[in-house]
C-alpha atoms as a PDB file:
ATOM      1  CA  LEU A   1     -10.839  18.972  -1.661  1.00  0.00           C
ATOM      2  CA  VAL A   2     -13.186  17.305   0.536  1.00  0.00           C
ATOM      3  CA  THR A   3     -16.236  19.661   0.956  1.00  0.00           C
ATOM      4  CA  ILE A   4     -16.964  20.479  -2.576  1.00  0.00           C
ATOM      5  CA  PRO A   5     -17.205  17.177  -4.169  1.00  0.00           C
ATOM      6  CA  SER A   6     -19.050  16.013  -0.874  1.00  0.00           C
ATOM      7  CA  VAL A   7     -21.833  18.580  -1.772  1.00  0.00           C
ATOM      8  CA  VAL A   8     -21.746  18.113  -5.417  1.00  0.00           C
ATOM      9  CA  ILE A   9     -21.929  14.454  -5.686  1.00  0.00           C
ATOM     10  CA  PRO A  10     -24.901  13.691  -3.378  1.00  0.00           C
ATOM     11  CA  ILE A  11     -26.878  16.636  -4.762  1.00  0.00           C
ATOM     12  CA  THR A  12     -26.357  15.207  -8.351  1.00  0.00           C
ATOM     13  CA  ILE A  13     -27.470  11.669  -7.329  1.00  0.00           C
ATOM     14  CA  ALA A  14     -30.238  12.992  -5.265  1.00  0.00           C
ATOM     15  CA  ALA A  15     -31.846  15.074  -7.853  1.00  0.00           C
ATOM     16  CA  PHE A  16     -32.066  12.361 -10.282  1.00  0.00           C
ATOM     17  CA  ALA A  17     -33.421   9.983  -7.548  1.00  0.00           C
ATOM     18  CA  ALA A  18     -36.040  12.426  -6.423  1.00  0.00           C
ATOM     19  CA  TYR A  19     -37.264  13.016  -9.982  1.00  0.00           C
ATOM     20  CA  ALA A  20     -37.635   9.358 -10.414  1.00  0.00           C
ATOM     21  CA  PHE A  21     -39.458   8.760  -7.333  1.00  0.00           C
ATOM     22  CA  ALA A  22     -41.836  11.784  -7.939  1.00  0.00           C
ATOM     23  CA  TRP A  23     -42.735  11.538 -11.690  1.00  0.00           C
ATOM     24  CA  LEU A  24     -41.515   8.116 -13.136  1.00  0.00           C
ATOM     25  CA  GLU A  25     -43.498   4.746 -12.715  1.00  0.00           C
ATOM     26  CA  PHE A  26     -41.171   1.792 -12.103  1.00  0.00           C
ATOM     27  CA  PRO A  27     -41.450  -1.412 -10.089  1.00  0.00           C
ATOM     28  CA  GLY A  28     -40.755  -1.031  -6.375  1.00  0.00           C
ATOM     29  CA  ARG A  29     -40.968   2.864  -6.239  1.00  0.00           C
ATOM     30  CA  ARG A  30     -42.795   3.249  -3.059  1.00  0.00           C
ATOM     31  CA  PHE A  31     -40.668   0.429  -1.342  1.00  0.00           C
ATOM     32  CA  PHE A  32     -37.267   1.900  -2.167  1.00  0.00           C
ATOM     33  CA  PHE A  33     -38.700   5.259  -1.217  1.00  0.00           C
ATOM     34  CA  THR A  34     -39.528   4.014   2.208  1.00  0.00           C
ATOM     35  CA  VAL A  35     -36.112   2.394   2.349  1.00  0.00           C
ATOM     36  CA  VAL A  36     -34.593   5.781   1.880  1.00  0.00           C
ATOM     37  CA  VAL A  37     -36.798   7.523   4.320  1.00  0.00           C
ATOM     38  CA  GLY A  38     -36.012   4.704   6.796  1.00  0.00           C
ATOM     39  CA  LEU A  39     -32.266   5.311   6.404  1.00  0.00           C
ATOM     40  CA  MET A  40     -32.660   8.845   7.723  1.00  0.00           C
ATOM     41  CA  VAL A  41     -33.095   7.498  11.363  1.00  0.00           C
ATOM     42  CA  VAL A  42     -30.110   5.364  11.265  1.00  0.00           C
ATOM     43  CA  PRO A  43     -27.247   6.976  13.171  1.00  0.00           C
ATOM     44  CA  LEU A  44     -24.275   7.269  11.090  1.00  0.00           C
ATOM     45  CA  GLN A  45     -22.017   6.174  14.086  1.00  0.00           C
ATOM     46  CA  MET A  46     -23.461   2.675  13.611  1.00  0.00           C
ATOM     47  CA  SER A  47     -21.967   2.435  10.076  1.00  0.00           C
ATOM     48  CA  LEU A  48     -18.379   3.696  10.853  1.00  0.00           C
ATOM     49  CA  ILE A  49     -16.832   0.336  11.997  1.00  0.00           C
ATOM     50  CA  PRO A  50     -18.361  -1.724   9.110  1.00  0.00           C
ATOM     51  CA  LEU A  51     -17.407   0.971   6.592  1.00  0.00           C
ATOM     52  CA  LEU A  52     -13.906   1.202   8.013  1.00  0.00           C
ATOM     53  CA  ARG A  53     -13.324  -2.409   7.676  1.00  0.00           C
ATOM     54  CA  LEU A  54     -14.697  -2.324   4.041  1.00  0.00           C
ATOM     55  CA  TYR A  55     -12.367   0.687   3.109  1.00  0.00           C
ATOM     56  CA  THR A  56      -9.480  -1.279   4.725  1.00  0.00           C
ATOM     57  CA  GLN A  57     -10.154  -4.197   2.326  1.00  0.00           C
ATOM     58  CA  MET A  58     -10.513  -2.015  -0.645  1.00  0.00           C
ATOM     59  CA  ASP A  59      -7.559   0.327   0.161  1.00  0.00           C
ATOM     60  CA  LEU A  60      -9.909   3.330   0.531  1.00  0.00           C
ATOM     61  CA  ASN A  61      -9.124   4.262   4.051  1.00  0.00           C
ATOM     62  CA  GLY A  62      -7.129   7.471   4.209  1.00  0.00           C
ATOM     63  CA  THR A  63      -8.047   8.562   0.650  1.00  0.00           C
ATOM     64  CA  PHE A  64     -10.264  11.508  -0.537  1.00  0.00           C
ATOM     65  CA  LEU A  65     -12.298   9.251  -2.595  1.00  0.00           C
ATOM     66  CA  GLY A  66     -13.234   7.472   0.467  1.00  0.00           C
ATOM     67  CA  ILE A  67     -14.440  10.245   2.487  1.00  0.00           C
ATOM     68  CA  TRP A  68     -16.366  11.531  -0.669  1.00  0.00           C
ATOM     69  CA  LEU A  69     -18.283   8.387  -0.826  1.00  0.00           C
ATOM     70  CA  ALA A  70     -18.790   8.301   3.027  1.00  0.00           C
ATOM     71  CA  HIS A  71     -20.298  11.903   3.124  1.00  0.00           C
ATOM     72  CA  THR A  72     -22.343  11.032  -0.152  1.00  0.00           C
ATOM     73  CA  GLY A  73     -23.852   7.962   1.568  1.00  0.00           C
ATOM     74  CA  PHE A  74     -24.556   9.747   4.814  1.00  0.00           C
ATOM     75  CA  GLY A  75     -26.101  12.782   3.018  1.00  0.00           C
ATOM     76  CA  LEU A  76     -28.156  11.105   0.423  1.00  0.00           C
ATOM     77  CA  PRO A  77     -31.240  10.109   2.382  1.00  0.00           C
ATOM     78  CA  LEU A  78     -31.937  13.689   3.483  1.00  0.00           C
ATOM     79  CA  ALA A  79     -31.099  14.947   0.104  1.00  0.00           C
ATOM     80  CA  ILE A  80     -33.578  12.673  -1.631  1.00  0.00           C
ATOM     81  CA  PHE A  81     -36.298  13.460   0.976  1.00  0.00           C
ATOM     82  CA  LEU A  82     -35.958  17.265   0.641  1.00  0.00           C
ATOM     83  CA  LEU A  83     -35.717  17.153  -3.257  1.00  0.00           C
ATOM     84  CA  PHE A  84     -38.650  14.816  -3.469  1.00  0.00           C
ATOM     85  CA  GLY A  85     -40.771  16.998  -1.240  1.00  0.00           C
ATOM     86  CA  TYR A  86     -40.260  19.943  -3.630  1.00  0.00           C
ATOM     87  CA  ILE A  87     -40.130  18.223  -7.017  1.00  0.00           C
ATOM     88  CA  SER A  88     -43.324  16.255  -6.272  1.00  0.00           C
ATOM     89  CA  THR A  89     -45.285  19.668  -5.852  1.00  0.00           C
ATOM     90  CA  LEU A  90     -44.286  20.982  -9.185  1.00  0.00           C
ATOM     91  CA  PRO A  91     -47.240  21.322 -11.475  1.00  0.00           C
ATOM     92  CA  GLY A  92     -48.128  18.088 -13.279  1.00  0.00           C
ATOM     93  CA  GLU A  93     -49.237  20.037 -16.373  1.00  0.00           C
ATOM     94  CA  ILE A  94     -45.690  20.885 -17.110  1.00  0.00           C
ATOM     95  CA  ILE A  95     -44.485  17.442 -16.887  1.00  0.00           C
ATOM     96  CA  GLU A  96     -47.278  16.097 -19.043  1.00  0.00           C
ATOM     97  CA  SER A  97     -46.894  18.860 -21.757  1.00  0.00           C
ATOM     98  CA  ALA A  98     -43.175  18.071 -21.993  1.00  0.00           C
ATOM     99  CA  ARG A  99     -44.115  14.277 -22.529  1.00  0.00           C
ATOM    100  CA  VAL A 100     -46.773  15.345 -25.070  1.00  0.00           C
ATOM    101  CA  ASP A 101     -44.091  17.344 -26.990  1.00  0.00           C
ATOM    102  CA  GLY A 102     -41.777  14.258 -27.105  1.00  0.00           C
ATOM    103  CA  ALA A 103     -39.328  15.209 -24.449  1.00  0.00           C
ATOM    104  CA  SER A 104     -37.561  12.325 -22.914  1.00  0.00           C
ATOM    105  CA  PRO A 105     -37.442  11.928 -19.193  1.00  0.00           C
ATOM    106  CA  LEU A 106     -33.718  13.174 -19.161  1.00  0.00           C
ATOM    107  CA  THR A 107     -34.725  16.180 -21.148  1.00  0.00           C
ATOM    108  CA  THR A 108     -37.669  16.985 -19.028  1.00  0.00           C
ATOM    109  CA  PHE A 109     -35.469  16.699 -16.005  1.00  0.00           C
ATOM    110  CA  THR A 110     -32.622  18.836 -17.361  1.00  0.00           C
ATOM    111  CA  ARG A 111     -34.659  21.513 -19.094  1.00  0.00           C
ATOM    112  CA  LEU A 112     -37.748  21.893 -16.860  1.00  0.00           C
ATOM    113  CA  VAL A 113     -37.384  20.119 -13.352  1.00  0.00           C
ATOM    114  CA  LEU A 114     -33.746  21.063 -12.623  1.00  0.00           C
ATOM    115  CA  PRO A 115     -34.148  24.985 -13.209  1.00  0.00           C
ATOM    116  CA  LEU A 116     -37.338  24.863 -11.154  1.00  0.00           C
ATOM    117  CA  SER A 117     -35.625  23.100  -8.225  1.00  0.00           C
ATOM    118  CA  VAL A 118     -32.793  25.553  -7.750  1.00  0.00           C
ATOM    119  CA  PRO A 119     -34.258  26.835  -4.208  1.00  0.00           C
ATOM    120  CA  VAL A 120     -34.338  23.474  -2.656  1.00  0.00           C
ATOM    121  CA  ILE A 121     -30.974  22.448  -4.205  1.00  0.00           C
ATOM    122  CA  ALA A 122     -29.420  25.539  -2.673  1.00  0.00           C
ATOM    123  CA  SER A 123     -31.061  24.674   0.666  1.00  0.00           C
ATOM    124  CA  PHE A 124     -29.615  21.378   0.785  1.00  0.00           C
ATOM    125  CA  ALA A 125     -26.265  22.684  -0.397  1.00  0.00           C
ATOM    126  CA  ILE A 126     -26.110  24.931   2.683  1.00  0.00           C
ATOM    127  CA  PHE A 127     -27.025  21.900   4.938  1.00  0.00           C
ATOM    128  CA  GLN A 128     -24.400  19.665   3.432  1.00  0.00           C
ATOM    129  CA  PHE A 129     -21.793  22.305   3.112  1.00  0.00           C
ATOM    130  CA  LEU A 130     -21.878  23.231   6.831  1.00  0.00           C
ATOM    131  CA  TRP A 131     -22.046  19.657   7.944  1.00  0.00           C
ATOM    132  CA  VAL A 132     -19.050  18.548   5.930  1.00  0.00           C
ATOM    133  CA  TRP A 133     -17.019  21.746   6.599  1.00  0.00           C
ATOM    134  CA  ASN A 134     -17.537  21.307  10.394  1.00  0.00           C
ATOM    135  CA  ASP A 135     -17.154  17.505  10.411  1.00  0.00           C
ATOM    136  CA  LEU A 136     -14.777  16.069  12.752  1.00  0.00           C
ATOM    137  CA  LEU A 137     -15.668  12.334  13.324  1.00  0.00           C
ATOM    138  CA  VAL A 138     -15.880  11.277   9.831  1.00  0.00           C
ATOM    139  CA  ALA A 139     -12.646  12.997   8.858  1.00  0.00           C
ATOM    140  CA  LEU A 140     -10.883  11.457  11.821  1.00  0.00           C
ATOM    141  CA  VAL A 141     -12.198   7.935  10.995  1.00  0.00           C
ATOM    142  CA  PHE A 142     -11.815   7.873   7.192  1.00  0.00           C
ATOM    143  CA  LEU A 143      -8.980  10.229   6.551  1.00  0.00           C
ATOM    144  CA  GLY A 144      -6.874  10.368   9.893  1.00  0.00           C
ATOM    145  CA  THR A 145      -4.489  13.224  10.909  1.00  0.00           C
ATOM    146  CA  SER A 146      -1.522  12.793   8.585  1.00  0.00           C
ATOM    147  CA  GLU A 147      -0.202  16.027   7.113  1.00  0.00           C
ATOM    148  CA  ASN A 148      -1.012  15.195   3.432  1.00  0.00           C
ATOM    149  CA  VAL A 149      -4.775  14.526   3.983  1.00  0.00           C
ATOM    150  CA  ALA A 150      -5.863  16.064   7.354  1.00  0.00           C
ATOM    151  CA  VAL A 151      -8.664  18.580   6.922  1.00  0.00           C
ATOM    152  CA  LEU A 152      -9.447  21.847   8.890  1.00  0.00           C
ATOM    153  CA  THR A 153     -11.287  20.395  11.946  1.00  0.00           C
ATOM    154  CA  PRO A 154      -8.460  17.967  12.987  1.00  0.00           C
ATOM    155  CA  ARG A 155      -5.941  20.616  12.670  1.00  0.00           C
ATOM    156  CA  LEU A 156      -8.155  23.006  14.726  1.00  0.00           C
ATOM    157  CA  GLN A 157      -8.219  20.368  17.505  1.00  0.00           C
ATOM    158  CA  ALA A 158      -4.436  20.003  17.287  1.00  0.00           C
ATOM    159  CA  LEU A 159      -4.137  23.666  18.010  1.00  0.00           C
ATOM    160  CA  VAL A 160      -5.234  23.208  21.641  1.00  0.00           C
ATOM    161  CA  GLY A 161      -2.033  21.527  22.440  1.00  0.00           C
ATOM    162  CA  ARG A 162      -1.159  18.132  24.082  1.00  0.00           C
ATOM    163  CA  ARG A 163      -2.274  19.459  27.549  1.00  0.00           C
ATOM    164  CA  GLY A 164      -5.157  21.599  26.446  1.00  0.00           C
ATOM    165  CA  GLU A 165      -3.421  24.925  27.417  1.00  0.00           C
ATOM    166  CA  GLN A 166      -3.850  26.822  24.196  1.00  0.00           C
ATOM    167  CA  TRP A 167      -7.595  27.572  24.082  1.00  0.00           C
ATOM    168  CA  GLN A 168      -6.978  30.964  22.805  1.00  0.00           C
ATOM    169  CA  VAL A 169      -5.158  29.776  19.763  1.00  0.00           C
ATOM    170  CA  LEU A 170      -8.160  27.314  19.032  1.00  0.00           C
ATOM    171  CA  THR A 171     -10.788  29.998  19.264  1.00  0.00           C
ATOM    172  CA  ALA A 172      -8.821  32.384  16.981  1.00  0.00           C
ATOM    173  CA  GLY A 173      -8.401  29.683  14.347  1.00  0.00           C
ATOM    174  CA  ALA A 174     -12.093  28.644  14.604  1.00  0.00           C
ATOM    175  CA  PHE A 175     -13.183  32.280  14.097  1.00  0.00           C
ATOM    176  CA  VAL A 176     -11.057  32.452  11.098  1.00  0.00           C
ATOM    177  CA  ALA A 177     -12.590  29.144   9.633  1.00  0.00           C
ATOM    178  CA  MET A 178     -16.059  30.391  10.207  1.00  0.00           C
ATOM    179  CA  ALA A 179     -15.584  32.872   7.395  1.00  0.00           C
ATOM    180  CA  VAL A 180     -16.156  30.435   4.452  1.00  0.00           C
ATOM    181  CA  PRO A 181     -19.375  28.969   5.935  1.00  0.00           C
ATOM    182  CA  LEU A 182     -20.673  32.492   6.517  1.00  0.00           C
ATOM    183  CA  PHE A 183     -19.901  33.431   3.052  1.00  0.00           C
ATOM    184  CA  VAL A 184     -21.663  30.510   1.631  1.00  0.00           C
ATOM    185  CA  PHE A 185     -24.766  30.941   3.855  1.00  0.00           C
ATOM    186  CA  PHE A 186     -25.223  34.574   3.085  1.00  0.00           C
ATOM    187  CA  SER A 187     -24.720  33.940  -0.660  1.00  0.00           C
ATOM    188  CA  LEU A 188     -27.574  31.429  -0.764  1.00  0.00           C
ATOM    189  CA  GLN A 189     -29.790  32.620   2.042  1.00  0.00           C
ATOM    190  CA  ARG A 190     -32.317  34.084  -0.234  1.00  0.00           C
ATOM    191  CA  TYR A 191     -33.113  30.367  -1.441  1.00  0.00           C
ATOM    192  CA  PHE A 192     -33.110  28.850   2.017  1.00  0.00           C
ATOM    193  CA  VAL A 193     -36.453  29.555   3.524  1.00  0.00           C
ATOM    194  CA  ARG A 194     -38.065  29.338  -0.069  1.00  0.00           C
ATOM    195  CA  GLY A 195     -36.579  25.837  -0.650  1.00  0.00           C
ATOM    196  CA  LEU A 196     -37.378  24.529   2.867  1.00  0.00           C
ATOM    197  CA  THR A 197     -40.982  25.585   2.847  1.00  0.00           C
ATOM    198  CA  ALA A 198     -41.921  25.033  -0.955  1.00  0.00           C
ATOM    199  CA  GLY A 199     -42.468  21.257  -0.529  1.00  0.00           C
ATOM    200  CA  SER A 200     -44.224  21.367   2.879  1.00  0.00           C
ATOM    201  CA  VAL A 201     -47.768  22.742   1.479  1.00  0.00           C
ATOM    202  CA  LYS A 202     -49.335  21.262  -1.481  1.00  0.00           C
ATOM    203  CA  GLY A 203     -52.488  22.383  -3.241  1.00  0.00           C
END
């Protein structure tokens, strides 16, 4: 309920944004891309209290929509940066030929750019999935520990006991919780290295 939307939403937004920054001309393109890159160095801990106040005013605190938006906002800068590094290195002849054939920017993106960008999308999907699946801080701040919304990590923390005497239960539960991330990683590992290195060398 938390991890899958928190992976799909930022990937969808970042793919459109990276394509726009790489191949579309619009006013302020370099400025907005610089802002996106600059947001990567801002620690997410700095925004927890302002976001929590905003969520309290909008009645989003303790809801799945709120944590989806939080994970999307925290993951978007890295997603846009990674996808931009890959999409900007695609051969320009492909984009130009699509324009000559009368394809709209949306058609070019969905029919050409998106299928060619599967490796880098899979690479970021691994990063985002592992981060959200193992997240404790954001889940505690924006969801809490109530029975109807508590995710895996706060429940694992509760296994220790009030006096911290049940570490063997925690380690057993953590070992079982590792099964899903390992399955996702091994399923997408063939795209992992290719997606990370494809945008690093140009020419």
